[in-house]
Amino acid sequence: SAREVVEMLKRFKTSGSSRENDIFACMIHNLFDEYRFFSKYPEKELRITGILFGLLIKEQLVSSITLGIALRYVLEALRKPPNQSPQSGKMFRFGMFALEQFKERLHEWPQYCSHIVQI
C-alpha cells in the first residue's frame, strides 16, 4: 500500500546506510520524473500514485526545493479542467487524491491556499 511505501521511505531517508539514502533519493526522483505520464495511468494506479504523492508532502519526506516542486505539480494538476478531456480529468483527480492526503498542512502555506481558491 502507499502507506507501507511511505514508512519504508521514512526509514530509508533517515537510515545510516548510504545505499538506503540513495534508494530513497532515487525513488523520489523517479516519482517526480513520472509526473508527465500520470495522465496515461489507469485509474487504480493513478489513485495510488496520487495518495503516495500527497503522503510524501504530509509526512515531510520532501522539503525545500523538492517540496516546492511537489506542491507545484499538485496545483498544476488541480488547474486541469476535469471534464475537458480524459487526460486533464485524470490529472485533476491525481491532484485531488494528493491534496486530500496533506490538507492538514495547508495552513502552513497561505499563498498556496489562495492559488487553490482561485481555481
Foldseek 3Di string as FASTA:
>chain_A
DLVVVVVLLVCLCPDPDVVSVVVSVVVLVVLLVCLVVQLVDDPVVLLSSLLNLLVCQQVVVDDDPSNVSSLVQLLVLCPQDLPPDSSSVSSNVSSVSNCVSRVVCCVVPVVSVVSNVVD
